[in-house]
Amino acid sequence: MKAIITLIFILFFGAMALAQNTQDYDTVEPLKMGAVLDSGIGTSSNFKEVKAITKKKVARLYKFKNSRIKKALAFTTKKDKPKLS
């Protein structure tokens, strides 16, 4: 019984929310900004033109992620080995 009354209240309040008259604000007022002329010193910069390199390179694929890093960190030295004296 409680579930039925709750469902009726939810449907009633939902219908009231949909039935409200809403105002449409379709018109948008444009912003008017004045122009400011600057008579300062003109500066120009010379930039070198960068050309795109279109060489094809082959990327190495490794079975495991970070395999080069793990291999480099896995080195051992003579001092790492235990002495049996």
Protein backbone atom coordinates (compact mmCIF):
# COMPACT_ATOMS: atom_id res chain seq x y z
CA MET A 1 0.00 0.00 0.00
CA LYS A 2 2.87 2.36 0.86
CA ALA A 3 4.55 1.69 -2.48
CA ILE A 4 1.35 2.45 -4.41
CA ILE A 5 0.81 5.76 -2.58
CA THR A 6 4.47 6.72 -3.17
CA LEU A 7 4.13 5.97 -6.88
CA ILE A 8 0.94 8.07 -7.12
CA PHE A 9 2.65 11.03 -5.39
CA ILE A 10 5.68 10.77 -7.70
CA LEU A 11 3.45 10.70 -10.79
CA PHE A 12 1.31 13.58 -9.46
CA PHE A 13 4.30 15.85 -8.76
CA GLY A 14 5.92 14.89 -12.07
CA ALA A 15 2.75 15.83 -13.96
CA MET A 16 2.59 19.17 -12.12
CA ALA A 17 6.23 19.90 -13.01
CA LEU A 18 5.54 19.21 -16.69
CA ALA A 19 2.35 21.29 -16.72
CA GLN A 20 4.04 24.50 -15.59
CA ASN A 21 4.16 27.34 -18.10
CA THR A 22 7.74 28.21 -18.88
CA GLN A 23 8.89 31.39 -20.55
CA ASP A 24 10.90 31.09 -23.73
CA TYR A 25 13.95 33.31 -24.00
CA ASP A 26 14.58 32.96 -27.72
CA THR A 27 15.92 36.45 -28.41
CA VAL A 28 19.57 37.14 -27.77
CA GLU A 29 20.88 40.68 -27.47
CA PRO A 30 24.22 41.17 -29.24
CA LEU A 31 27.13 42.75 -27.39
CA LYS A 32 28.30 46.12 -28.71
CA MET A 33 31.96 46.88 -28.19
CA GLY A 34 33.84 49.94 -29.36
CA ALA A 35 37.03 49.68 -31.41
CA VAL A 36 40.28 51.07 -30.03
CA LEU A 37 42.94 52.12 -32.53
CA ASP A 38 46.51 51.71 -31.38
CA SER A 39 49.12 53.96 -32.97
CA GLY A 40 52.08 52.35 -31.22
CA ILE A 41 55.32 51.21 -32.77
CA GLY A 42 54.84 48.39 -35.18
CA THR A 43 56.97 45.36 -34.42
CA SER A 44 57.77 42.57 -36.79
CA SER A 45 59.54 39.33 -36.07
CA ASN A 46 61.41 37.18 -38.50
CA PHE A 47 60.67 33.52 -38.00
CA LYS A 48 62.43 30.74 -39.78
CA GLU A 49 60.20 28.46 -41.75
CA VAL A 50 60.05 24.98 -40.28
CA LYS A 51 59.78 22.17 -42.77
CA ALA A 52 58.04 18.98 -41.85
CA ILE A 53 60.18 15.86 -42.04
CA THR A 54 58.41 13.06 -43.82
CA LYS A 55 60.81 10.19 -43.20
CA LYS A 56 59.31 6.82 -42.52
CA LYS A 57 60.62 5.21 -39.36
CA VAL A 58 60.11 1.72 -38.04
CA ALA A 59 59.00 1.48 -34.44
CA ARG A 60 59.99 -1.51 -32.36
CA LEU A 61 57.22 -3.50 -30.82
CA TYR A 62 57.81 -5.23 -27.53
CA LYS A 63 55.75 -8.00 -26.07
CA PHE A 64 55.79 -6.46 -22.61
CA LYS A 65 55.34 -2.84 -21.66
CA ASN A 66 58.51 -1.05 -20.49
CA SER A 67 60.72 -4.01 -21.38
CA ARG A 68 63.78 -1.84 -22.06
CA ILE A 69 63.46 -0.12 -18.71
CA LYS A 70 63.02 -3.38 -16.83
CA LYS A 71 66.02 -4.89 -18.61
CA ALA A 72 68.17 -1.87 -17.73
CA LEU A 73 67.12 -1.97 -14.09
CA ALA A 74 67.72 -5.70 -13.73
CA PHE A 75 71.53 -5.52 -13.98
CA THR A 76 73.70 -7.10 -11.29
CA THR A 77 77.25 -6.41 -10.15
CA LYS A 78 79.89 -8.58 -8.54
CA LYS A 79 79.16 -7.03 -5.16
CA ASP A 80 75.53 -8.08 -5.37
CA LYS A 81 76.42 -11.78 -5.24
CA PRO A 82 76.69 -13.32 -1.77
CA LYS A 83 80.08 -14.61 -0.59
CA LEU A 84 80.42 -18.20 0.53
CA SER A 85 83.54 -17.87 2.69
